[in-house]
Amino acid sequence: MTYQEKKSIVSLISVILIFGFFCLYMYPQHPEGGLQSTETFRYWGSFVLVLTLVSIVAHIVISIIFNIIFRITTREKEPAFADELDKFIELKAHRNSFFVFILGFLFAMGSLVIYQPSQAMFMILIASGFLSDVTGSITKLYHYRKGI
């Protein structure tokens, strides 16, 4: 298995674990008030902001740990450059990831148009962010395994 495949697998697993544990952490803090209360908006706003920060920090830490473990176990350095294939696969992964997020964004805005509670919009946005990250990792793994 190549470095890029291993990195994609670690990224996929870390995305799922970070999101899952964060949701389990935040679920008990959900306010009991009405659907349109300011506490509900505060909860969802903090959910998105804290999830973004936690996700960025966790991905950086996991990437560093992955590179250390990779170097210790294989005695190889991380590839210092990305060739044309790596860049092309990265572009495909970004395209698919952005497509999933934009689709989720449109569904979230559509939920407001059809008079769904604002909580539905936040849940759809958060889920589409998660699914877009998973889609990007799976796309990379698929193309490194099967080729372009």
N, C-alpha and C. Protein backbone atom coordinates (compact mmCIF):
# COMPACT_ATOMS: atom_id res chain seq x y z
N MET A 1 0.84 -1.16 0.00
CA MET A 1 0.00 0.00 0.00
C MET A 1 0.90 1.24 0.00
N THR A 2 0.55 2.20 -0.81
CA THR A 2 1.38 3.39 -0.93
C THR A 2 1.10 4.37 0.22
N TYR A 3 1.98 5.35 0.32
CA TYR A 3 1.84 6.39 1.33
C TYR A 3 0.50 7.10 1.18
N GLN A 4 0.14 7.44 -0.05
CA GLN A 4 -1.11 8.19 -0.28
C GLN A 4 -2.34 7.36 0.11
N GLU A 5 -2.31 6.05 -0.16
CA GLU A 5 -3.44 5.20 0.23
C GLU A 5 -3.57 5.13 1.74
N LYS A 6 -2.45 4.95 2.41
CA LYS A 6 -2.48 4.90 3.87
C LYS A 6 -2.97 6.22 4.45
N LYS A 7 -2.50 7.32 3.87
CA LYS A 7 -2.92 8.63 4.36
C LYS A 7 -4.42 8.84 4.14
N SER A 8 -4.95 8.37 3.02
CA SER A 8 -6.39 8.49 2.75
C SER A 8 -7.21 7.68 3.73
N ILE A 9 -6.75 6.48 4.05
CA ILE A 9 -7.45 5.63 5.01
C ILE A 9 -7.45 6.26 6.39
N VAL A 10 -6.28 6.76 6.81
CA VAL A 10 -6.19 7.42 8.12
C VAL A 10 -7.09 8.65 8.14
N SER A 11 -7.13 9.40 7.06
CA SER A 11 -7.98 10.59 6.98
C SER A 11 -9.46 10.21 7.08
N LEU A 12 -9.86 9.18 6.38
CA LEU A 12 -11.25 8.73 6.42
C LEU A 12 -11.66 8.28 7.82
N ILE A 13 -10.82 7.49 8.44
CA ILE A 13 -11.12 7.00 9.80
C ILE A 13 -11.16 8.17 10.78
N SER A 14 -10.21 9.08 10.66
CA SER A 14 -10.18 10.21 11.60
C SER A 14 -11.39 11.12 11.42
N VAL A 15 -11.83 11.34 10.19
CA VAL A 15 -13.02 12.17 9.95
C VAL A 15 -14.23 11.56 10.64
N ILE A 16 -14.41 10.27 10.48
CA ILE A 16 -15.56 9.58 11.07
C ILE A 16 -15.49 9.63 12.60
N LEU A 17 -14.31 9.35 13.15
CA LEU A 17 -14.18 9.35 14.61
C LEU A 17 -14.34 10.75 15.21
N ILE A 18 -13.72 11.74 14.60
CA ILE A 18 -13.83 13.11 15.12
C ILE A 18 -15.29 13.56 15.12
N PHE A 19 -15.97 13.36 14.00
CA PHE A 19 -17.36 13.77 13.90
C PHE A 19 -18.24 13.00 14.88
N GLY A 20 -18.04 11.70 14.95
CA GLY A 20 -18.85 10.87 15.85
C GLY A 20 -18.68 11.25 17.31
N PHE A 21 -17.42 11.37 17.75
CA PHE A 21 -17.18 11.72 19.14
C PHE A 21 -17.65 13.13 19.46
N PHE A 22 -17.49 14.05 18.52
CA PHE A 22 -17.94 15.42 18.77
C PHE A 22 -19.46 15.47 18.89
N CYS A 23 -20.15 14.74 18.03
CA CYS A 23 -21.62 14.71 18.12
C CYS A 23 -22.07 14.10 19.44
N LEU A 24 -21.40 13.03 19.88
CA LEU A 24 -21.74 12.42 21.17
C LEU A 24 -21.46 13.37 22.33
N TYR A 25 -20.43 14.20 22.20
CA TYR A 25 -20.11 15.18 23.22
C TYR A 25 -21.14 16.31 23.26
N MET A 26 -21.57 16.77 22.10
CA MET A 26 -22.46 17.93 22.04
C MET A 26 -23.94 17.57 22.24
N TYR A 27 -24.33 16.34 21.98
CA TYR A 27 -25.74 15.98 22.06
C TYR A 27 -26.37 16.28 23.43
N PRO A 28 -25.73 15.93 24.53
CA PRO A 28 -26.36 16.22 25.83
C PRO A 28 -26.49 17.72 26.12
N GLN A 29 -25.79 18.56 25.41
CA GLN A 29 -25.84 20.00 25.65
C GLN A 29 -26.96 20.68 24.86
N HIS A 30 -27.71 19.94 24.08
CA HIS A 30 -28.77 20.52 23.27
C HIS A 30 -29.81 21.17 24.17
N PRO A 31 -30.18 22.43 23.87
CA PRO A 31 -31.16 23.13 24.73
C PRO A 31 -32.55 22.53 24.59
N GLU A 32 -33.29 22.60 25.65
CA GLU A 32 -34.64 22.03 25.69
C GLU A 32 -35.71 23.03 25.28
N GLY A 33 -35.34 24.28 25.05
CA GLY A 33 -36.32 25.32 24.76
C GLY A 33 -37.03 25.10 23.43
N GLY A 34 -37.77 26.11 23.02
CA GLY A 34 -38.50 26.04 21.76
C GLY A 34 -37.57 25.97 20.56
N LEU A 35 -38.15 25.66 19.42
CA LEU A 35 -37.35 25.47 18.22
C LEU A 35 -36.68 26.75 17.73
N GLN A 36 -37.22 27.90 18.02
CA GLN A 36 -36.68 29.15 17.51
C GLN A 36 -36.03 30.01 18.60
N SER A 37 -35.72 29.44 19.75
CA SER A 37 -35.15 30.24 20.84
C SER A 37 -33.72 30.65 20.51
N THR A 38 -33.27 31.69 21.18
CA THR A 38 -31.89 32.16 20.95
C THR A 38 -30.89 31.14 21.43
N GLU A 39 -31.25 30.36 22.44
CA GLU A 39 -30.33 29.32 22.92
C GLU A 39 -30.10 28.25 21.85
N THR A 40 -31.14 27.97 21.10
CA THR A 40 -31.00 26.99 20.02
C THR A 40 -30.04 27.50 18.96
N PHE A 41 -30.16 28.76 18.58
CA PHE A 41 -29.24 29.32 17.59
C PHE A 41 -27.82 29.40 18.15
N ARG A 42 -27.70 29.72 19.42
CA ARG A 42 -26.39 29.76 20.06
C ARG A 42 -25.76 28.36 20.05
N TYR A 43 -26.57 27.36 20.35
CA TYR A 43 -26.09 25.97 20.36
C TYR A 43 -25.57 25.57 18.99
N TRP A 44 -26.37 25.80 17.95
CA TRP A 44 -25.96 25.37 16.61
C TRP A 44 -24.77 26.18 16.10
N GLY A 45 -24.72 27.46 16.42
CA GLY A 45 -23.58 28.28 16.03
C GLY A 45 -22.31 27.80 16.69
N SER A 46 -22.38 27.51 17.98
CA SER A 46 -21.19 27.01 18.67
C SER A 46 -20.84 25.61 18.18
N PHE A 47 -21.84 24.82 17.85
CA PHE A 47 -21.59 23.47 17.33
C PHE A 47 -20.74 23.56 16.07
N VAL A 48 -21.13 24.41 15.14
CA VAL A 48 -20.41 24.54 13.87
C VAL A 48 -19.01 25.11 14.09
N LEU A 49 -18.89 26.17 14.88
CA LEU A 49 -17.59 26.79 15.09
C LEU A 49 -16.62 25.87 15.83
N VAL A 50 -17.10 25.26 16.90
CA VAL A 50 -16.22 24.38 17.67
C VAL A 50 -15.86 23.13 16.87
N LEU A 51 -16.81 22.58 16.13
CA LEU A 51 -16.51 21.42 15.29
C LEU A 51 -15.44 21.77 14.26
N THR A 52 -15.53 22.94 13.67
CA THR A 52 -14.53 23.37 12.69
C THR A 52 -13.15 23.46 13.33
N LEU A 53 -13.06 24.11 14.48
CA LEU A 53 -11.77 24.25 15.16
C LEU A 53 -11.22 22.91 15.63
N VAL A 54 -12.06 22.10 16.24
CA VAL A 54 -11.62 20.78 16.71
C VAL A 54 -11.16 19.93 15.54
N SER A 55 -11.89 19.98 14.46
CA SER A 55 -11.55 19.19 13.28
C SER A 55 -10.20 19.61 12.69
N ILE A 56 -9.96 20.91 12.59
CA ILE A 56 -8.69 21.39 12.04
C ILE A 56 -7.53 20.97 12.92
N VAL A 57 -7.65 21.20 14.22
CA VAL A 57 -6.57 20.84 15.14
C VAL A 57 -6.34 19.33 15.15
N ALA A 58 -7.42 18.56 15.19
CA ALA A 58 -7.29 17.10 15.21
C ALA A 58 -6.64 16.59 13.93
N HIS A 59 -7.01 17.15 12.78
CA HIS A 59 -6.41 16.71 11.52
C HIS A 59 -4.91 17.02 11.49
N ILE A 60 -4.52 18.17 12.01
CA ILE A 60 -3.09 18.51 12.05
C ILE A 60 -2.34 17.54 12.95
N VAL A 61 -2.87 17.29 14.14
CA VAL A 61 -2.22 16.37 15.08
C VAL A 61 -2.16 14.96 14.50
N ILE A 62 -3.25 14.50 13.92
CA ILE A 62 -3.27 13.15 13.34
C ILE A 62 -2.30 13.04 12.18
N SER A 63 -2.19 14.08 11.37
CA SER A 63 -1.25 14.07 10.26
C SER A 63 0.19 13.98 10.75
N ILE A 64 0.51 14.72 11.79
CA ILE A 64 1.86 14.66 12.36
C ILE A 64 2.14 13.28 12.93
N ILE A 65 1.21 12.75 13.69
CA ILE A 65 1.38 11.41 14.27
C ILE A 65 1.50 10.36 13.17
N PHE A 66 0.68 10.48 12.12
CA PHE A 66 0.75 9.53 11.01
C PHE A 66 2.12 9.56 10.35
N ASN A 67 2.65 10.77 10.11
CA ASN A 67 3.96 10.86 9.47
C ASN A 67 5.06 10.30 10.35
N ILE A 68 4.98 10.51 11.65
CA ILE A 68 5.98 9.95 12.57
C ILE A 68 5.92 8.43 12.55
N ILE A 69 4.72 7.88 12.67
CA ILE A 69 4.56 6.42 12.67
C ILE A 69 4.97 5.83 11.33
N PHE A 70 4.60 6.50 10.23
CA PHE A 70 4.98 6.02 8.90
C PHE A 70 6.50 5.97 8.76
N ARG A 71 7.15 7.00 9.23
CA ARG A 71 8.62 7.06 9.10
C ARG A 71 9.29 6.01 9.97
N ILE A 72 8.77 5.79 11.18
CA ILE A 72 9.35 4.78 12.07
C ILE A 72 9.15 3.38 11.51
N THR A 73 7.98 3.08 11.01
CA THR A 73 7.68 1.71 10.57
C THR A 73 8.29 1.37 9.21
N THR A 74 8.38 2.34 8.30
CA THR A 74 8.87 2.02 6.95
C THR A 74 10.27 2.54 6.68
N ARG A 75 10.79 3.37 7.55
CA ARG A 75 12.11 3.98 7.36
C ARG A 75 12.17 4.83 6.08
N GLU A 76 11.01 5.30 5.64
CA GLU A 76 10.93 6.17 4.46
C GLU A 76 10.41 7.53 4.88
N LYS A 77 10.81 8.54 4.11
CA LYS A 77 10.28 9.87 4.35
C LYS A 77 8.99 10.04 3.56
N GLU A 78 8.21 11.01 4.02
CA GLU A 78 7.01 11.39 3.27
C GLU A 78 7.46 11.91 1.91
N PRO A 79 6.74 11.58 0.83
CA PRO A 79 7.13 12.10 -0.48
C PRO A 79 7.22 13.63 -0.45
N ALA A 80 8.36 14.14 -0.95
CA ALA A 80 8.61 15.58 -0.87
C ALA A 80 7.88 16.37 -1.95
N PHE A 81 7.40 15.69 -2.96
CA PHE A 81 6.73 16.40 -4.05
C PHE A 81 5.49 15.63 -4.48
N ALA A 82 4.61 16.32 -5.16
CA ALA A 82 3.41 15.69 -5.72
C ALA A 82 3.54 15.73 -7.23
N ASP A 83 3.44 14.56 -7.85
CA ASP A 83 3.53 14.52 -9.31
C ASP A 83 2.17 14.86 -9.92
N GLU A 84 2.10 14.77 -11.23
CA GLU A 84 0.87 15.14 -11.94
C GLU A 84 -0.32 14.28 -11.51
N LEU A 85 -0.07 12.99 -11.30
CA LEU A 85 -1.14 12.10 -10.89
C LEU A 85 -1.69 12.50 -9.51
N ASP A 86 -0.79 12.81 -8.57
CA ASP A 86 -1.24 13.23 -7.24
C ASP A 86 -2.09 14.50 -7.32
N LYS A 87 -1.65 15.44 -8.11
CA LYS A 87 -2.39 16.70 -8.25
C LYS A 87 -3.75 16.46 -8.90
N PHE A 88 -3.78 15.57 -9.90
CA PHE A 88 -5.03 15.28 -10.59
C PHE A 88 -6.02 14.59 -9.66
N ILE A 89 -5.53 13.64 -8.87
CA ILE A 89 -6.39 12.95 -7.91
C ILE A 89 -6.89 13.92 -6.85
N GLU A 90 -6.02 14.81 -6.40
CA GLU A 90 -6.41 15.82 -5.42
C GLU A 90 -7.52 16.72 -5.99
N LEU A 91 -7.39 17.11 -7.24
CA LEU A 91 -8.42 17.95 -7.88
C LEU A 91 -9.75 17.21 -7.99
N LYS A 92 -9.71 15.94 -8.36
CA LYS A 92 -10.94 15.16 -8.44
C LYS A 92 -11.61 15.03 -7.07
N ALA A 93 -10.78 14.81 -6.05
CA ALA A 93 -11.33 14.68 -4.70
C ALA A 93 -11.96 16.00 -4.25
N HIS A 94 -11.30 17.11 -4.53
CA HIS A 94 -11.87 18.42 -4.17
C HIS A 94 -13.16 18.68 -4.93
N ARG A 95 -13.18 18.33 -6.20
CA ARG A 95 -14.39 18.54 -7.00
C ARG A 95 -15.57 17.77 -6.42
N ASN A 96 -15.35 16.48 -6.13
CA ASN A 96 -16.43 15.66 -5.59
C ASN A 96 -16.86 16.15 -4.21
N SER A 97 -15.89 16.54 -3.40
CA SER A 97 -16.18 17.04 -2.07
C SER A 97 -17.01 18.33 -2.13
N PHE A 98 -16.60 19.26 -2.98
CA PHE A 98 -17.34 20.51 -3.13
C PHE A 98 -18.74 20.27 -3.67
N PHE A 99 -18.88 19.32 -4.60
CA PHE A 99 -20.19 19.00 -5.16
C PHE A 99 -21.14 18.53 -4.07
N VAL A 100 -20.66 17.64 -3.21
CA VAL A 100 -21.49 17.12 -2.13
C VAL A 100 -21.88 18.24 -1.17
N PHE A 101 -20.92 19.11 -0.83
CA PHE A 101 -21.23 20.19 0.09
C PHE A 101 -22.23 21.18 -0.51
N ILE A 102 -22.03 21.55 -1.76
CA ILE A 102 -22.95 22.49 -2.41
C ILE A 102 -24.35 21.90 -2.51
N LEU A 103 -24.43 20.61 -2.82
CA LEU A 103 -25.73 19.94 -2.85
C LEU A 103 -26.40 20.00 -1.48
N GLY A 104 -25.62 19.74 -0.44
CA GLY A 104 -26.15 19.83 0.93
C GLY A 104 -26.56 21.24 1.29
N PHE A 105 -25.77 22.22 0.85
CA PHE A 105 -26.11 23.62 1.10
C PHE A 105 -27.44 23.97 0.44
N LEU A 106 -27.63 23.52 -0.80
CA LEU A 106 -28.89 23.79 -1.49
C LEU A 106 -30.07 23.11 -0.79
N PHE A 107 -29.87 21.88 -0.31
CA PHE A 107 -30.92 21.20 0.44
C PHE A 107 -31.22 21.96 1.74
N ALA A 108 -30.18 22.47 2.39
CA ALA A 108 -30.38 23.21 3.64
C ALA A 108 -31.20 24.48 3.38
N MET A 109 -30.87 25.19 2.32
CA MET A 109 -31.64 26.40 1.99
C MET A 109 -33.05 26.04 1.56
N GLY A 110 -33.18 24.91 0.86
CA GLY A 110 -34.50 24.44 0.46
C GLY A 110 -35.36 24.07 1.65
N SER A 111 -34.73 23.58 2.71
CA SER A 111 -35.51 23.25 3.91
C SER A 111 -36.13 24.50 4.52
N LEU A 112 -35.44 25.64 4.39
CA LEU A 112 -36.02 26.89 4.89
C LEU A 112 -37.17 27.36 4.01
N VAL A 113 -37.04 27.12 2.71
CA VAL A 113 -38.08 27.53 1.77
C VAL A 113 -39.38 26.78 2.02
N ILE A 114 -39.28 25.51 2.40
CA ILE A 114 -40.49 24.72 2.63
C ILE A 114 -40.91 24.74 4.10
N TYR A 115 -40.45 25.78 4.82
CA TYR A 115 -40.89 26.05 6.19
C TYR A 115 -40.52 24.96 7.20
N GLN A 116 -39.36 24.38 7.05
CA GLN A 116 -38.85 23.44 8.05
C GLN A 116 -38.19 24.26 9.17
N PRO A 117 -38.06 23.70 10.35
CA PRO A 117 -37.42 24.44 11.44
C PRO A 117 -35.95 24.76 11.08
N SER A 118 -35.45 25.82 11.67
CA SER A 118 -34.07 26.22 11.37
C SER A 118 -33.08 25.15 11.81
N GLN A 119 -33.46 24.32 12.78
CA GLN A 119 -32.59 23.22 13.20
C GLN A 119 -32.32 22.26 12.06
N ALA A 120 -33.30 22.05 11.21
CA ALA A 120 -33.13 21.16 10.06
C ALA A 120 -32.05 21.71 9.14
N MET A 121 -32.04 23.02 8.94
CA MET A 121 -31.02 23.64 8.10
C MET A 121 -29.63 23.38 8.67
N PHE A 122 -29.48 23.59 9.98
CA PHE A 122 -28.17 23.38 10.60
C PHE A 122 -27.74 21.92 10.52
N MET A 123 -28.67 21.01 10.76
CA MET A 123 -28.33 19.59 10.69
C MET A 123 -27.93 19.18 9.27
N ILE A 124 -28.62 19.70 8.28
CA ILE A 124 -28.28 19.38 6.89
C ILE A 124 -26.92 19.96 6.53
N LEU A 125 -26.64 21.19 6.96
CA LEU A 125 -25.33 21.79 6.69
C LEU A 125 -24.20 21.00 7.34
N ILE A 126 -24.38 20.61 8.58
CA ILE A 126 -23.35 19.85 9.29
C ILE A 126 -23.16 18.49 8.65
N ALA A 127 -24.26 17.83 8.32
CA ALA A 127 -24.17 16.51 7.67
C ALA A 127 -23.51 16.62 6.30
N SER A 128 -23.81 17.67 5.55
CA SER A 128 -23.20 17.80 4.23
C SER A 128 -21.71 18.10 4.34
N GLY A 129 -21.31 18.84 5.37
CA GLY A 129 -19.88 19.05 5.61
C GLY A 129 -19.17 17.75 5.92
N PHE A 130 -19.79 16.94 6.77
CA PHE A 130 -19.22 15.63 7.10
C PHE A 130 -19.15 14.73 5.87
N LEU A 131 -20.25 14.66 5.14
CA LEU A 131 -20.28 13.80 3.94
C LEU A 131 -19.31 14.28 2.86
N SER A 132 -19.11 15.58 2.76
CA SER A 132 -18.16 16.08 1.76
C SER A 132 -16.74 15.70 2.13
N ASP A 133 -16.41 15.73 3.42
CA ASP A 133 -15.08 15.31 3.86
C ASP A 133 -14.87 13.81 3.62
N VAL A 134 -15.89 13.02 3.92
CA VAL A 134 -15.81 11.57 3.67
C VAL A 134 -15.69 11.30 2.17
N THR A 135 -16.45 12.02 1.36
CA THR A 135 -16.41 11.84 -0.09
C THR A 135 -15.02 12.15 -0.64
N GLY A 136 -14.39 13.22 -0.15
CA GLY A 136 -13.04 13.55 -0.60
C GLY A 136 -12.05 12.46 -0.27
N SER A 137 -12.11 11.92 0.93
CA SER A 137 -11.19 10.85 1.34
C SER A 137 -11.43 9.57 0.55
N ILE A 138 -12.69 9.23 0.34
CA ILE A 138 -13.01 8.01 -0.43
C ILE A 138 -12.58 8.18 -1.89
N THR A 139 -12.77 9.37 -2.45
CA THR A 139 -12.36 9.61 -3.84
C THR A 139 -10.85 9.43 -3.99
N LYS A 140 -10.09 9.99 -3.06
CA LYS A 140 -8.63 9.83 -3.11
C LYS A 140 -8.25 8.36 -3.02
N LEU A 141 -8.82 7.67 -2.06
CA LEU A 141 -8.51 6.25 -1.88
C LEU A 141 -8.87 5.45 -3.13
N TYR A 142 -10.03 5.71 -3.69
CA TYR A 142 -10.48 4.99 -4.89
C TYR A 142 -9.51 5.21 -6.05
N HIS A 143 -9.15 6.46 -6.29
CA HIS A 143 -8.29 6.75 -7.44
C HIS A 143 -6.85 6.29 -7.23
N TYR A 144 -6.37 6.28 -6.01
CA TYR A 144 -5.03 5.75 -5.79
C TYR A 144 -5.03 4.22 -5.93
N ARG A 145 -6.15 3.60 -5.61
CA ARG A 145 -6.24 2.15 -5.77
C ARG A 145 -6.48 1.73 -7.22
N LYS A 146 -7.47 2.36 -7.86
CA LYS A 146 -7.90 1.93 -9.18
C LYS A 146 -7.28 2.72 -10.32
N GLY A 147 -6.72 3.87 -10.02
CA GLY A 147 -6.19 4.71 -11.09
C GLY A 147 -7.25 5.67 -11.58
N ILE A 148 -6.88 6.44 -12.57
CA ILE A 148 -7.78 7.47 -13.10
C ILE A 148 -8.59 6.91 -14.25
